[in-house]
Amino acid sequence: MGLLSVIGMAHGWVRQRVQPGDAVVDATLGGGVDARFLAELVGPRGALIGFDVQEEALRRTRDRLEPLRAAGRLPARTSLLLRSHSELEAAVPAELRGRIAAVLFNLGYLPGSDTSLITMPQTTLPALQAALRVLRPGGILACVLYPGHPGGAEEADEVMGWASGLPAEAAQAAVYRMVQKPSAPYALGIEKKASPADPADSGSFH
């Protein structure tokens, strides 16, 4: 029995913290794998909000969610948005901000599409910051990074620099990676410990 894949680890972090009826976010829909996973966790009483800048990603995600819809198991509040993840905070309904149980990021590019269209630090970092603001205390941000493709290492370095600078009283961060393969994908998990409104935060998520 081998070690968990990085996506398996990211999903494991999320599974520990999400209950039926919760609200969750897929910040990078891609092929819809994460969205399907989140939808099954929260169930029909939950809420799922997904983001992607490619219509093809939304189409693939709808197809992957269709069996849940047909079975009546799709979250009643499911929104798949053709928007950048940098717009995450504005797109999350006001009543759900500070109540999101988990946000998943799967960076890089959409497999089988234009590989030059990749996630980039100038939108990813604001999205990560927004994700922490909309999470509830105890909620989880799980991010899979891909340093092996052009532009991926630079994005991963910037994400790790940002995560390393988070105050320990506001968030706890951990990394899961295969140490013999520095270019292999790896997972970053961040558990929110304080609300941005709490004195301990002092604006650290901004």
N, C-alpha and C. Protein backbone atom coordinates (compact mmCIF):
# COMPACT_ATOMS: atom_id res chain seq x y z
N MET A 1 0.84 -1.19 0.00
CA MET A 1 0.00 0.00 0.00
C MET A 1 0.88 1.24 0.00
N GLY A 2 0.71 2.10 -1.02
CA GLY A 2 1.55 3.27 -1.14
C GLY A 2 1.04 4.45 -0.34
N LEU A 3 1.81 5.52 -0.38
CA LEU A 3 1.40 6.75 0.27
C LEU A 3 0.23 7.39 -0.49
N LEU A 4 -0.51 8.22 0.21
CA LEU A 4 -1.59 8.94 -0.43
C LEU A 4 -1.05 9.85 -1.53
N SER A 5 -1.81 10.01 -2.61
CA SER A 5 -1.48 11.02 -3.60
C SER A 5 -1.68 12.40 -2.99
N VAL A 6 -1.13 13.42 -3.63
CA VAL A 6 -1.29 14.77 -3.08
C VAL A 6 -2.77 15.19 -3.11
N ILE A 7 -3.49 14.78 -4.13
CA ILE A 7 -4.92 15.12 -4.18
C ILE A 7 -5.66 14.34 -3.09
N GLY A 8 -5.25 13.09 -2.87
CA GLY A 8 -5.86 12.31 -1.79
C GLY A 8 -5.63 12.95 -0.44
N MET A 9 -4.44 13.50 -0.22
CA MET A 9 -4.16 14.18 1.04
C MET A 9 -5.00 15.44 1.17
N ALA A 10 -5.07 16.23 0.10
CA ALA A 10 -5.89 17.45 0.13
C ALA A 10 -7.34 17.11 0.43
N HIS A 11 -7.85 16.07 -0.21
CA HIS A 11 -9.23 15.65 0.04
C HIS A 11 -9.39 15.15 1.47
N GLY A 12 -8.36 14.48 1.99
CA GLY A 12 -8.44 14.00 3.37
C GLY A 12 -8.54 15.14 4.37
N TRP A 13 -7.78 16.20 4.16
CA TRP A 13 -7.88 17.37 5.03
C TRP A 13 -9.30 17.93 5.02
N VAL A 14 -9.86 17.99 3.81
CA VAL A 14 -11.21 18.56 3.68
C VAL A 14 -12.24 17.64 4.32
N ARG A 15 -12.11 16.35 4.07
CA ARG A 15 -13.09 15.39 4.59
C ARG A 15 -13.19 15.45 6.11
N GLN A 16 -12.10 15.73 6.77
CA GLN A 16 -12.09 15.79 8.24
C GLN A 16 -12.91 16.96 8.79
N ARG A 17 -13.14 17.98 7.96
CA ARG A 17 -13.73 19.22 8.47
C ARG A 17 -15.09 19.56 7.88
N VAL A 18 -15.53 18.83 6.88
CA VAL A 18 -16.78 19.17 6.19
C VAL A 18 -17.87 18.17 6.57
N GLN A 19 -19.04 18.71 6.87
CA GLN A 19 -20.20 17.90 7.24
C GLN A 19 -21.34 18.14 6.26
N PRO A 20 -22.30 17.21 6.16
CA PRO A 20 -23.49 17.46 5.34
C PRO A 20 -24.17 18.77 5.74
N GLY A 21 -24.55 19.54 4.73
CA GLY A 21 -25.20 20.81 4.99
C GLY A 21 -24.25 22.00 5.01
N ASP A 22 -22.93 21.75 4.96
CA ASP A 22 -21.96 22.83 4.97
C ASP A 22 -21.90 23.55 3.62
N ALA A 23 -21.22 24.69 3.61
CA ALA A 23 -20.95 25.44 2.39
C ALA A 23 -19.47 25.31 2.05
N VAL A 24 -19.16 25.05 0.77
CA VAL A 24 -17.79 24.82 0.33
C VAL A 24 -17.55 25.52 -0.99
N VAL A 25 -16.26 25.71 -1.33
CA VAL A 25 -15.87 26.40 -2.56
C VAL A 25 -14.82 25.58 -3.30
N ASP A 26 -15.02 25.42 -4.61
CA ASP A 26 -13.99 24.90 -5.51
C ASP A 26 -13.47 26.10 -6.30
N ALA A 27 -12.28 26.56 -5.97
CA ALA A 27 -11.75 27.79 -6.56
C ALA A 27 -11.24 27.60 -7.98
N THR A 28 -11.02 26.35 -8.41
CA THR A 28 -10.48 26.05 -9.75
C THR A 28 -11.17 24.79 -10.25
N LEU A 29 -12.28 24.93 -10.92
CA LEU A 29 -13.12 23.78 -11.25
C LEU A 29 -12.39 22.73 -12.10
N GLY A 30 -11.65 23.16 -13.11
CA GLY A 30 -10.94 22.19 -13.95
C GLY A 30 -11.88 21.14 -14.51
N GLY A 31 -11.54 19.87 -14.30
CA GLY A 31 -12.37 18.78 -14.81
C GLY A 31 -13.54 18.40 -13.94
N GLY A 32 -13.69 19.05 -12.79
CA GLY A 32 -14.84 18.80 -11.95
C GLY A 32 -14.65 17.74 -10.88
N VAL A 33 -13.46 17.18 -10.76
CA VAL A 33 -13.22 16.12 -9.78
C VAL A 33 -13.41 16.65 -8.36
N ASP A 34 -12.80 17.80 -8.07
CA ASP A 34 -12.93 18.37 -6.73
C ASP A 34 -14.36 18.80 -6.45
N ALA A 35 -15.03 19.36 -7.45
CA ALA A 35 -16.42 19.79 -7.26
C ALA A 35 -17.31 18.60 -6.93
N ARG A 36 -17.11 17.49 -7.61
CA ARG A 36 -17.91 16.28 -7.34
C ARG A 36 -17.63 15.80 -5.91
N PHE A 37 -16.38 15.79 -5.52
CA PHE A 37 -16.00 15.38 -4.17
C PHE A 37 -16.67 16.28 -3.13
N LEU A 38 -16.61 17.58 -3.33
CA LEU A 38 -17.22 18.51 -2.38
C LEU A 38 -18.73 18.36 -2.35
N ALA A 39 -19.34 18.21 -3.51
CA ALA A 39 -20.80 18.07 -3.58
C ALA A 39 -21.27 16.84 -2.82
N GLU A 40 -20.53 15.75 -2.93
CA GLU A 40 -20.92 14.54 -2.21
C GLU A 40 -20.76 14.70 -0.71
N LEU A 41 -19.76 15.48 -0.28
CA LEU A 41 -19.58 15.70 1.15
C LEU A 41 -20.71 16.51 1.76
N VAL A 42 -21.10 17.61 1.10
CA VAL A 42 -22.09 18.51 1.72
C VAL A 42 -23.52 18.05 1.45
N GLY A 43 -23.75 17.29 0.37
CA GLY A 43 -25.08 16.76 0.11
C GLY A 43 -26.10 17.80 -0.31
N PRO A 44 -27.35 17.37 -0.49
CA PRO A 44 -28.38 18.28 -1.02
C PRO A 44 -28.70 19.47 -0.12
N ARG A 45 -28.41 19.38 1.17
CA ARG A 45 -28.66 20.52 2.06
C ARG A 45 -27.52 21.52 2.08
N GLY A 46 -26.45 21.22 1.38
CA GLY A 46 -25.27 22.07 1.41
C GLY A 46 -25.24 23.10 0.29
N ALA A 47 -24.12 23.80 0.21
CA ALA A 47 -23.90 24.81 -0.82
C ALA A 47 -22.52 24.61 -1.44
N LEU A 48 -22.46 24.68 -2.77
CA LEU A 48 -21.21 24.53 -3.52
C LEU A 48 -21.08 25.70 -4.48
N ILE A 49 -19.97 26.41 -4.39
CA ILE A 49 -19.68 27.51 -5.31
C ILE A 49 -18.37 27.16 -6.02
N GLY A 50 -18.38 27.23 -7.35
CA GLY A 50 -17.19 26.89 -8.12
C GLY A 50 -16.80 27.99 -9.08
N PHE A 51 -15.50 28.10 -9.35
CA PHE A 51 -14.95 29.14 -10.22
C PHE A 51 -14.04 28.54 -11.28
N ASP A 52 -14.12 29.09 -12.48
CA ASP A 52 -13.13 28.82 -13.50
C ASP A 52 -13.27 29.87 -14.60
N VAL A 53 -12.17 30.15 -15.30
CA VAL A 53 -12.20 31.15 -16.37
C VAL A 53 -12.46 30.52 -17.73
N GLN A 54 -12.59 29.19 -17.78
CA GLN A 54 -12.81 28.50 -19.05
C GLN A 54 -14.19 27.84 -19.07
N GLU A 55 -14.93 28.13 -20.12
CA GLU A 55 -16.26 27.53 -20.28
C GLU A 55 -16.16 26.01 -20.35
N GLU A 56 -15.07 25.49 -20.94
CA GLU A 56 -14.89 24.05 -21.03
C GLU A 56 -14.81 23.42 -19.64
N ALA A 57 -14.19 24.10 -18.71
CA ALA A 57 -14.12 23.58 -17.34
C ALA A 57 -15.51 23.51 -16.71
N LEU A 58 -16.32 24.53 -16.94
CA LEU A 58 -17.69 24.51 -16.41
C LEU A 58 -18.49 23.37 -17.05
N ARG A 59 -18.29 23.16 -18.36
CA ARG A 59 -19.02 22.08 -19.04
C ARG A 59 -18.63 20.72 -18.46
N ARG A 60 -17.32 20.50 -18.29
CA ARG A 60 -16.87 19.22 -17.74
C ARG A 60 -17.41 19.03 -16.32
N THR A 61 -17.43 20.10 -15.55
CA THR A 61 -17.92 19.99 -14.17
C THR A 61 -19.40 19.67 -14.15
N ARG A 62 -20.18 20.34 -15.00
CA ARG A 62 -21.62 20.03 -15.07
C ARG A 62 -21.84 18.56 -15.40
N ASP A 63 -21.07 18.06 -16.36
CA ASP A 63 -21.20 16.65 -16.74
C ASP A 63 -20.87 15.73 -15.57
N ARG A 64 -19.84 16.09 -14.81
CA ARG A 64 -19.43 15.24 -13.68
C ARG A 64 -20.45 15.30 -12.54
N LEU A 65 -21.14 16.42 -12.42
CA LEU A 65 -22.14 16.57 -11.36
C LEU A 65 -23.51 16.02 -11.76
N GLU A 66 -23.71 15.75 -13.05
CA GLU A 66 -25.03 15.35 -13.53
C GLU A 66 -25.59 14.12 -12.81
N PRO A 67 -24.79 13.06 -12.56
CA PRO A 67 -25.37 11.92 -11.83
C PRO A 67 -25.91 12.30 -10.45
N LEU A 68 -25.26 13.24 -9.77
CA LEU A 68 -25.76 13.68 -8.48
C LEU A 68 -27.08 14.44 -8.64
N ARG A 69 -27.14 15.28 -9.67
CA ARG A 69 -28.38 16.03 -9.91
C ARG A 69 -29.53 15.07 -10.21
N ALA A 70 -29.24 14.08 -11.07
CA ALA A 70 -30.28 13.13 -11.45
C ALA A 70 -30.76 12.31 -10.26
N ALA A 71 -29.88 12.07 -9.31
CA ALA A 71 -30.24 11.28 -8.13
C ALA A 71 -30.78 12.14 -6.99
N GLY A 72 -30.89 13.44 -7.20
CA GLY A 72 -31.38 14.32 -6.15
C GLY A 72 -30.37 14.54 -5.03
N ARG A 73 -29.10 14.35 -5.33
CA ARG A 73 -28.07 14.49 -4.29
C ARG A 73 -27.14 15.68 -4.52
N LEU A 74 -27.46 16.51 -5.51
CA LEU A 74 -26.67 17.70 -5.76
C LEU A 74 -27.01 18.76 -4.72
N PRO A 75 -26.02 19.50 -4.20
CA PRO A 75 -26.34 20.57 -3.25
C PRO A 75 -27.39 21.52 -3.82
N ALA A 76 -28.38 21.86 -3.02
CA ALA A 76 -29.47 22.72 -3.47
C ALA A 76 -28.94 24.07 -3.96
N ARG A 77 -27.88 24.55 -3.32
CA ARG A 77 -27.26 25.81 -3.74
C ARG A 77 -25.95 25.48 -4.43
N THR A 78 -26.03 25.24 -5.73
CA THR A 78 -24.85 24.97 -6.54
C THR A 78 -24.70 26.08 -7.55
N SER A 79 -23.56 26.78 -7.52
CA SER A 79 -23.29 27.86 -8.46
C SER A 79 -21.93 27.62 -9.10
N LEU A 80 -21.92 27.42 -10.42
CA LEU A 80 -20.68 27.27 -11.18
C LEU A 80 -20.48 28.55 -11.96
N LEU A 81 -19.43 29.30 -11.64
CA LEU A 81 -19.27 30.65 -12.14
C LEU A 81 -18.11 30.77 -13.12
N LEU A 82 -18.36 31.42 -14.24
CA LEU A 82 -17.31 31.70 -15.22
C LEU A 82 -16.61 32.98 -14.78
N ARG A 83 -15.84 32.86 -13.70
CA ARG A 83 -15.16 34.00 -13.09
C ARG A 83 -13.81 33.55 -12.54
N SER A 84 -12.89 34.47 -12.44
CA SER A 84 -11.59 34.18 -11.86
C SER A 84 -11.72 33.92 -10.36
N HIS A 85 -10.86 33.05 -9.85
CA HIS A 85 -10.87 32.81 -8.41
C HIS A 85 -10.47 34.05 -7.62
N SER A 86 -9.85 35.02 -8.29
CA SER A 86 -9.51 36.27 -7.60
C SER A 86 -10.76 37.05 -7.20
N GLU A 87 -11.91 36.69 -7.79
CA GLU A 87 -13.19 37.34 -7.46
C GLU A 87 -13.97 36.55 -6.41
N LEU A 88 -13.31 35.62 -5.78
CA LEU A 88 -13.97 34.69 -4.86
C LEU A 88 -14.78 35.39 -3.78
N GLU A 89 -14.17 36.34 -3.09
CA GLU A 89 -14.87 36.95 -1.96
C GLU A 89 -16.12 37.68 -2.40
N ALA A 90 -16.04 38.42 -3.50
CA ALA A 90 -17.20 39.16 -3.99
C ALA A 90 -18.31 38.23 -4.43
N ALA A 91 -17.94 37.04 -4.92
CA ALA A 91 -18.95 36.12 -5.46
C ALA A 91 -19.61 35.26 -4.38
N VAL A 92 -18.97 35.09 -3.24
CA VAL A 92 -19.58 34.31 -2.16
C VAL A 92 -20.68 35.16 -1.51
N PRO A 93 -21.90 34.65 -1.43
CA PRO A 93 -22.98 35.43 -0.82
C PRO A 93 -22.62 35.92 0.57
N ALA A 94 -23.07 37.12 0.89
CA ALA A 94 -22.70 37.74 2.16
C ALA A 94 -23.01 36.85 3.35
N GLU A 95 -24.14 36.14 3.29
CA GLU A 95 -24.53 35.32 4.43
C GLU A 95 -23.64 34.09 4.62
N LEU A 96 -22.82 33.77 3.61
CA LEU A 96 -21.92 32.62 3.72
C LEU A 96 -20.48 33.01 4.04
N ARG A 97 -20.16 34.29 3.95
CA ARG A 97 -18.80 34.72 4.26
C ARG A 97 -18.52 34.53 5.74
N GLY A 98 -17.41 33.88 6.03
CA GLY A 98 -17.10 33.53 7.40
C GLY A 98 -17.74 32.24 7.85
N ARG A 99 -18.45 31.56 6.94
CA ARG A 99 -19.12 30.30 7.27
C ARG A 99 -18.72 29.16 6.33
N ILE A 100 -17.81 29.41 5.40
CA ILE A 100 -17.37 28.37 4.46
C ILE A 100 -16.51 27.36 5.21
N ALA A 101 -16.81 26.07 5.01
CA ALA A 101 -16.09 25.01 5.71
C ALA A 101 -14.77 24.66 5.04
N ALA A 102 -14.71 24.77 3.71
CA ALA A 102 -13.50 24.36 2.98
C ALA A 102 -13.44 25.07 1.64
N VAL A 103 -12.22 25.39 1.23
CA VAL A 103 -11.95 25.91 -0.12
C VAL A 103 -10.84 25.06 -0.72
N LEU A 104 -11.08 24.55 -1.91
CA LEU A 104 -10.11 23.72 -2.62
C LEU A 104 -9.54 24.47 -3.82
N PHE A 105 -8.23 24.43 -3.98
CA PHE A 105 -7.53 24.95 -5.15
C PHE A 105 -6.76 23.81 -5.79
N ASN A 106 -6.84 23.68 -7.10
CA ASN A 106 -6.02 22.74 -7.86
C ASN A 106 -5.40 23.56 -8.98
N LEU A 107 -4.18 24.04 -8.75
CA LEU A 107 -3.57 25.02 -9.64
C LEU A 107 -3.03 24.38 -10.91
N GLY A 108 -2.50 25.23 -11.79
CA GLY A 108 -1.92 24.72 -13.03
C GLY A 108 -2.79 25.04 -14.23
N TYR A 109 -3.09 24.02 -15.04
CA TYR A 109 -3.88 24.22 -16.25
C TYR A 109 -4.90 23.10 -16.38
N LEU A 110 -5.88 23.32 -17.24
CA LEU A 110 -6.93 22.33 -17.48
C LEU A 110 -6.38 21.24 -18.41
N PRO A 111 -6.26 19.99 -17.94
CA PRO A 111 -5.74 18.91 -18.80
C PRO A 111 -6.56 18.78 -20.08
N GLY A 112 -5.85 18.57 -21.19
CA GLY A 112 -6.53 18.41 -22.46
C GLY A 112 -6.95 19.71 -23.11
N SER A 113 -6.49 20.84 -22.56
CA SER A 113 -6.84 22.14 -23.12
C SER A 113 -5.56 22.91 -23.45
N ASP A 114 -5.67 24.19 -23.62
CA ASP A 114 -4.52 25.04 -23.91
C ASP A 114 -3.62 25.11 -22.68
N THR A 115 -2.46 24.47 -22.73
CA THR A 115 -1.59 24.40 -21.56
C THR A 115 -0.87 25.73 -21.28
N SER A 116 -1.00 26.70 -22.19
CA SER A 116 -0.42 28.01 -21.91
C SER A 116 -1.34 28.85 -21.03
N LEU A 117 -2.59 28.42 -20.86
CA LEU A 117 -3.53 29.12 -20.00
C LEU A 117 -3.43 28.50 -18.61
N ILE A 118 -2.67 29.15 -17.73
CA ILE A 118 -2.37 28.60 -16.41
C ILE A 118 -2.80 29.57 -15.31
N THR A 119 -2.92 29.04 -14.11
CA THR A 119 -3.13 29.92 -12.97
C THR A 119 -1.84 30.70 -12.71
N MET A 120 -1.98 31.92 -12.21
CA MET A 120 -0.83 32.80 -12.04
C MET A 120 -0.87 33.49 -10.69
N PRO A 121 0.30 33.82 -10.13
CA PRO A 121 0.35 34.40 -8.78
C PRO A 121 -0.49 35.65 -8.62
N GLN A 122 -0.59 36.49 -9.66
CA GLN A 122 -1.30 37.75 -9.51
C GLN A 122 -2.79 37.57 -9.27
N THR A 123 -3.33 36.41 -9.63
CA THR A 123 -4.73 36.13 -9.29
C THR A 123 -4.83 35.09 -8.18
N THR A 124 -3.88 34.15 -8.14
CA THR A 124 -3.94 33.09 -7.13
C THR A 124 -3.75 33.63 -5.72
N LEU A 125 -2.79 34.54 -5.51
CA LEU A 125 -2.54 35.05 -4.16
C LEU A 125 -3.74 35.82 -3.61
N PRO A 126 -4.36 36.74 -4.38
CA PRO A 126 -5.57 37.37 -3.87
C PRO A 126 -6.68 36.37 -3.59
N ALA A 127 -6.76 35.30 -4.41
CA ALA A 127 -7.79 34.29 -4.18
C ALA A 127 -7.54 33.53 -2.88
N LEU A 128 -6.29 33.19 -2.60
CA LEU A 128 -5.97 32.51 -1.36
C LEU A 128 -6.28 33.39 -0.15
N GLN A 129 -5.94 34.66 -0.25
CA GLN A 129 -6.24 35.59 0.84
C GLN A 129 -7.75 35.69 1.07
N ALA A 130 -8.50 35.78 -0.02
CA ALA A 130 -9.95 35.85 0.09
C ALA A 130 -10.52 34.56 0.67
N ALA A 131 -9.93 33.43 0.28
CA ALA A 131 -10.41 32.15 0.79
C ALA A 131 -10.30 32.10 2.31
N LEU A 132 -9.19 32.58 2.86
CA LEU A 132 -9.05 32.59 4.32
C LEU A 132 -10.08 33.51 4.98
N ARG A 133 -10.41 34.60 4.31
CA ARG A 133 -11.38 35.52 4.90
C ARG A 133 -12.79 34.92 4.93
N VAL A 134 -13.15 34.14 3.91
CA VAL A 134 -14.52 33.59 3.88
C VAL A 134 -14.65 32.30 4.68
N LEU A 135 -13.52 31.66 5.02
CA LEU A 135 -13.57 30.44 5.82
C LEU A 135 -14.08 30.73 7.23
N ARG A 136 -14.72 29.74 7.82
CA ARG A 136 -15.06 29.84 9.23
C ARG A 136 -13.84 29.43 10.06
N PRO A 137 -13.74 29.87 11.31
CA PRO A 137 -12.66 29.37 12.17
C PRO A 137 -12.71 27.84 12.24
N GLY A 138 -11.57 27.20 12.04
CA GLY A 138 -11.52 25.74 11.96
C GLY A 138 -11.70 25.22 10.56
N GLY A 139 -12.04 26.10 9.61
CA GLY A 139 -12.18 25.69 8.22
C GLY A 139 -10.82 25.45 7.58
N ILE A 140 -10.84 24.81 6.41
CA ILE A 140 -9.61 24.38 5.77
C ILE A 140 -9.49 24.93 4.35
N LEU A 141 -8.31 25.40 4.01
CA LEU A 141 -7.94 25.75 2.64
C LEU A 141 -6.97 24.68 2.19
N ALA A 142 -7.31 23.97 1.14
CA ALA A 142 -6.43 22.92 0.61
C ALA A 142 -6.06 23.28 -0.82
N CYS A 143 -4.76 23.25 -1.11
CA CYS A 143 -4.26 23.71 -2.40
C CYS A 143 -3.24 22.71 -2.94
N VAL A 144 -3.44 22.27 -4.17
CA VAL A 144 -2.46 21.40 -4.84
C VAL A 144 -1.68 22.25 -5.83
N LEU A 145 -0.36 22.24 -5.70
CA LEU A 145 0.53 23.05 -6.52
C LEU A 145 1.33 22.17 -7.47
N TYR A 146 1.64 22.72 -8.65
CA TYR A 146 2.30 21.95 -9.70
C TYR A 146 3.54 22.69 -10.20
N PRO A 147 4.70 22.48 -9.56
CA PRO A 147 5.91 23.19 -9.97
C PRO A 147 6.55 22.67 -11.24
N GLY A 148 6.05 21.58 -11.81
CA GLY A 148 6.72 20.95 -12.94
C GLY A 148 6.43 21.53 -14.30
N HIS A 149 5.43 22.40 -14.45
CA HIS A 149 5.14 22.97 -15.76
C HIS A 149 5.66 24.41 -15.84
N PRO A 150 5.83 24.96 -17.04
CA PRO A 150 6.32 26.34 -17.16
C PRO A 150 5.44 27.31 -16.38
N GLY A 151 6.06 28.08 -15.51
CA GLY A 151 5.33 29.03 -14.68
C GLY A 151 4.86 28.45 -13.36
N GLY A 152 4.84 27.13 -13.26
CA GLY A 152 4.32 26.49 -12.05
C GLY A 152 5.22 26.65 -10.84
N ALA A 153 6.54 26.56 -11.05
CA ALA A 153 7.47 26.68 -9.94
C ALA A 153 7.43 28.07 -9.34
N GLU A 154 7.33 29.08 -10.22
CA GLU A 154 7.27 30.45 -9.74
C GLU A 154 6.00 30.69 -8.93
N GLU A 155 4.87 30.16 -9.42
CA GLU A 155 3.63 30.31 -8.68
C GLU A 155 3.72 29.59 -7.34
N ALA A 156 4.23 28.37 -7.35
CA ALA A 156 4.34 27.60 -6.12
C ALA A 156 5.23 28.31 -5.10
N ASP A 157 6.33 28.90 -5.56
CA ASP A 157 7.22 29.62 -4.64
C ASP A 157 6.52 30.80 -4.01
N GLU A 158 5.74 31.52 -4.79
CA GLU A 158 5.04 32.69 -4.24
C GLU A 158 3.95 32.27 -3.26
N VAL A 159 3.25 31.20 -3.58
CA VAL A 159 2.23 30.69 -2.66
C VAL A 159 2.86 30.26 -1.35
N MET A 160 3.99 29.55 -1.43
CA MET A 160 4.64 29.09 -0.22
C MET A 160 5.20 30.25 0.60
N GLY A 161 5.71 31.27 -0.08
CA GLY A 161 6.17 32.45 0.64
C GLY A 161 5.05 33.13 1.38
N TRP A 162 3.90 33.23 0.73
CA TRP A 162 2.73 33.82 1.39
C TRP A 162 2.29 32.98 2.58
N ALA A 163 2.19 31.68 2.39
CA ALA A 163 1.73 30.79 3.47
C ALA A 163 2.70 30.82 4.65
N SER A 164 4.00 30.89 4.36
CA SER A 164 5.00 30.91 5.43
C SER A 164 4.90 32.17 6.28
N GLY A 165 4.35 33.23 5.71
CA GLY A 165 4.23 34.48 6.43
C GLY A 165 2.97 34.63 7.25
N LEU A 166 2.08 33.64 7.21
CA LEU A 166 0.85 33.74 8.00
C LEU A 166 1.16 33.61 9.49
N PRO A 167 0.64 34.50 10.32
CA PRO A 167 0.88 34.39 11.76
C PRO A 167 0.30 33.10 12.33
N ALA A 168 1.03 32.47 13.22
CA ALA A 168 0.60 31.18 13.78
C ALA A 168 -0.70 31.30 14.55
N GLU A 169 -0.98 32.48 15.12
CA GLU A 169 -2.22 32.64 15.87
C GLU A 169 -3.44 32.77 14.95
N ALA A 170 -3.19 33.02 13.67
CA ALA A 170 -4.28 33.20 12.73
C ALA A 170 -4.55 31.96 11.88
N ALA A 171 -3.49 31.20 11.57
CA ALA A 171 -3.64 30.03 10.70
C ALA A 171 -2.50 29.07 10.93
N GLN A 172 -2.78 27.80 10.66
CA GLN A 172 -1.77 26.75 10.76
C GLN A 172 -1.60 26.12 9.39
N ALA A 173 -0.36 26.08 8.88
CA ALA A 173 -0.11 25.59 7.53
C ALA A 173 0.77 24.36 7.55
N ALA A 174 0.50 23.43 6.64
CA ALA A 174 1.30 22.21 6.51
C ALA A 174 1.46 21.87 5.04
N VAL A 175 2.54 21.15 4.72
CA VAL A 175 2.83 20.75 3.34
C VAL A 175 3.00 19.25 3.27
N TYR A 176 2.48 18.65 2.19
CA TYR A 176 2.64 17.21 1.94
C TYR A 176 3.27 17.05 0.57
N ARG A 177 4.48 16.49 0.52
CA ARG A 177 5.16 16.34 -0.76
C ARG A 177 6.11 15.15 -0.74
N MET A 178 6.47 14.68 -1.94
CA MET A 178 7.43 13.60 -2.10
C MET A 178 8.83 14.23 -2.17
N VAL A 179 9.65 13.99 -1.16
CA VAL A 179 10.90 14.75 -1.03
C VAL A 179 11.93 14.40 -2.10
N GLN A 180 11.84 13.19 -2.70
CA GLN A 180 12.83 12.84 -3.72
C GLN A 180 12.53 13.45 -5.08
N LYS A 181 11.34 14.07 -5.23
CA LYS A 181 10.94 14.61 -6.54
C LYS A 181 10.53 16.07 -6.37
N PRO A 182 11.50 16.99 -6.40
CA PRO A 182 11.19 18.39 -6.14
C PRO A 182 10.24 19.02 -7.15
N SER A 183 10.14 18.46 -8.35
CA SER A 183 9.24 19.02 -9.36
C SER A 183 7.86 18.40 -9.34
N ALA A 184 7.63 17.41 -8.44
CA ALA A 184 6.33 16.75 -8.38
C ALA A 184 5.30 17.65 -7.71
N PRO A 185 4.02 17.45 -8.01
CA PRO A 185 2.97 18.21 -7.34
C PRO A 185 3.02 17.99 -5.84
N TYR A 186 2.54 18.97 -5.09
CA TYR A 186 2.45 18.81 -3.64
C TYR A 186 1.25 19.57 -3.11
N ALA A 187 0.87 19.24 -1.89
CA ALA A 187 -0.34 19.79 -1.29
C ALA A 187 0.00 20.72 -0.14
N LEU A 188 -0.71 21.82 -0.08
CA LEU A 188 -0.62 22.78 1.01
C LEU A 188 -1.96 22.83 1.72
N GLY A 189 -1.95 22.65 3.02
CA GLY A 189 -3.18 22.75 3.81
C GLY A 189 -3.06 23.87 4.82
N ILE A 190 -4.09 24.71 4.90
CA ILE A 190 -4.09 25.82 5.86
C ILE A 190 -5.39 25.79 6.64
N GLU A 191 -5.26 25.61 7.95
CA GLU A 191 -6.43 25.64 8.82
C GLU A 191 -6.57 27.03 9.43
N LYS A 192 -7.73 27.63 9.26
CA LYS A 192 -7.97 28.95 9.83
C LYS A 192 -8.22 28.82 11.33
N LYS A 193 -7.51 29.62 12.09
CA LYS A 193 -7.66 29.57 13.54
C LYS A 193 -8.42 30.76 14.10
N ALA A 194 -8.36 31.89 13.40
CA ALA A 194 -9.01 33.10 13.90
C ALA A 194 -9.80 33.75 12.79
N SER A 195 -10.86 34.44 13.16
CA SER A 195 -11.64 35.22 12.21
C SER A 195 -10.94 36.54 11.96
N PRO A 196 -11.05 37.11 10.73
CA PRO A 196 -10.44 38.40 10.47
C PRO A 196 -10.94 39.50 11.41
N ALA A 197 -12.11 39.29 12.02
CA ALA A 197 -12.64 40.29 12.94
C ALA A 197 -12.03 40.17 14.32
N ASP A 198 -11.32 39.05 14.58
CA ASP A 198 -10.75 38.83 15.90
C ASP A 198 -9.50 39.68 16.11
N PRO A 199 -9.26 40.16 17.33
CA PRO A 199 -8.06 40.95 17.59
C PRO A 199 -6.77 40.23 17.25
N ALA A 200 -6.76 38.89 17.40
CA ALA A 200 -5.54 38.13 17.11
C ALA A 200 -5.13 38.19 15.66
N ASP A 201 -6.10 38.53 14.78
CA ASP A 201 -5.80 38.50 13.35
C ASP A 201 -5.02 39.71 12.88
N SER A 202 -5.45 40.87 13.32
CA SER A 202 -4.81 42.14 12.97
C SER A 202 -4.64 42.32 11.46
N GLY A 203 -5.64 41.85 10.70
CA GLY A 203 -5.59 42.04 9.26
C GLY A 203 -4.63 41.14 8.52
N SER A 204 -4.19 40.07 9.13
CA SER A 204 -3.14 39.25 8.53
C SER A 204 -3.58 38.53 7.28
N PHE A 205 -4.88 38.39 7.03
CA PHE A 205 -5.34 37.69 5.83
C PHE A 205 -5.45 38.63 4.65
N HIS A 206 -5.13 39.90 4.80
CA HIS A 206 -5.31 40.86 3.71
C HIS A 206 -4.03 41.06 2.91
